[in-house]
């Protein structure tokens, strides 16, 4: 299951998985694009391994990684608690 985490001004969505059996969290970034439908990439925490990059420039990848790195503690906490709404007891 994937949980919503953050929506940026340019409609980029960042979502994350629950804590996986291997103690990783999958973070998926997706941005709508008129020509290609969606640009996307996947990052795994805590290693920050990036894969499946489509449509993003190297600068964009680095920008998204910066966002993920600065919020990774929250993403991991929410992944352990079943997403933001469950972790925040909403």
Protein backbone atom coordinates (compact mmCIF):
# COMPACT_ATOMS: atom_id res chain seq x y z
CA UNK A 1 0.00 0.00 0.00
CA UNK A 2 1.18 3.52 -0.77
CA UNK A 3 0.42 6.50 1.47
CA UNK A 4 0.29 10.17 0.40
CA UNK A 5 3.05 12.28 1.90
CA UNK A 6 3.49 15.58 0.06
CA UNK A 7 2.09 17.48 -2.92
CA UNK A 8 4.32 20.22 -4.33
CA UNK A 9 3.21 23.45 -6.05
CA UNK A 10 3.87 21.97 -9.50
CA UNK A 11 1.51 19.04 -8.74
CA UNK A 12 4.36 16.62 -8.03
CA UNK A 13 3.12 13.91 -5.68
CA UNK A 14 5.37 12.13 -3.19
CA UNK A 15 3.98 8.93 -1.71
CA UNK A 16 5.54 6.15 0.37
CA UNK A 17 4.99 2.52 1.24
CA UNK A 18 4.59 0.93 4.63
CA UNK A 19 7.79 -0.41 6.19
CA UNK A 20 8.76 -3.31 3.94
CA UNK A 21 9.94 -6.72 5.15
CA UNK A 22 13.55 -5.75 4.40
CA UNK A 23 13.16 -2.63 6.60
CA UNK A 24 13.12 -0.30 3.60
CA UNK A 25 10.52 2.26 2.63
CA UNK A 26 9.69 2.80 -1.03
CA UNK A 27 9.20 6.47 -1.93
CA UNK A 28 7.57 7.21 -5.29
CA UNK A 29 7.62 10.62 -6.96
CA UNK A 30 5.24 11.37 -9.83
CA UNK A 31 4.68 14.60 -11.77
CA UNK A 32 2.04 15.13 -14.48
CA UNK A 33 3.40 16.00 -17.92
CA UNK A 34 1.39 17.03 -20.99
CA UNK A 35 3.64 15.18 -23.44
CA UNK A 36 4.59 12.03 -21.48
CA UNK A 37 1.58 11.77 -19.13
CA UNK A 38 3.75 11.37 -16.01
CA UNK A 39 7.39 11.68 -15.06
CA UNK A 40 8.37 9.46 -12.16
CA UNK A 41 11.15 7.99 -10.03
CA UNK A 42 11.50 5.61 -7.10
CA UNK A 43 13.76 6.02 -4.07
CA UNK A 44 14.32 3.54 -1.23
CA UNK A 45 15.02 4.61 2.33
CA UNK A 46 17.24 4.52 4.28
CA UNK A 47 19.81 3.89 1.49
CA UNK A 48 18.48 6.62 -0.88
CA UNK A 49 18.87 4.15 -3.76
CA UNK A 50 17.15 5.69 -6.80
CA UNK A 51 15.76 3.72 -9.72
CA UNK A 52 13.14 3.77 -12.45
CA UNK A 53 13.75 7.42 -13.41
CA UNK A 54 11.60 8.58 -16.31
CA UNK A 55 11.36 12.16 -17.60
CA UNK A 56 13.25 13.93 -14.82
CA UNK A 57 16.51 15.82 -15.44
CA UNK A 58 19.49 15.19 -13.17
CA UNK A 59 18.79 18.54 -11.46
CA UNK A 60 15.19 17.51 -10.79
CA UNK A 61 16.33 14.15 -9.41
CA UNK A 62 18.75 15.92 -7.06
CA UNK A 63 16.05 18.40 -5.99
CA UNK A 64 13.62 15.58 -5.14
CA UNK A 65 16.37 13.68 -3.33
CA UNK A 66 17.04 16.80 -1.26
CA UNK A 67 13.37 16.94 -0.28
CA UNK A 68 13.34 13.24 0.57
CA UNK A 69 16.54 13.47 2.60
CA UNK A 70 15.26 16.43 4.61
CA UNK A 71 12.01 14.63 5.44
CA UNK A 72 13.19 11.00 5.55
CA UNK A 73 12.79 10.77 9.33
CA UNK A 74 9.10 11.67 8.93
CA UNK A 75 8.58 9.31 6.00
CA UNK A 76 10.09 6.40 7.93
CA UNK A 77 8.04 7.24 11.02
CA UNK A 78 4.82 7.43 8.99
CA UNK A 79 5.70 4.20 7.17
CA UNK A 80 6.02 2.41 10.51
CA UNK A 81 2.69 3.84 11.65
CA UNK A 82 0.61 3.14 8.55
CA UNK A 83 0.80 6.55 6.88
CA UNK A 84 0.37 10.10 8.15
CA UNK A 85 -3.27 9.77 9.17
CA UNK A 86 -2.66 6.66 11.27
CA UNK A 87 0.65 7.91 12.71
CA UNK A 88 -0.99 11.21 13.65
CA UNK A 89 -4.06 9.43 15.11
CA UNK A 90 -6.43 11.29 12.76
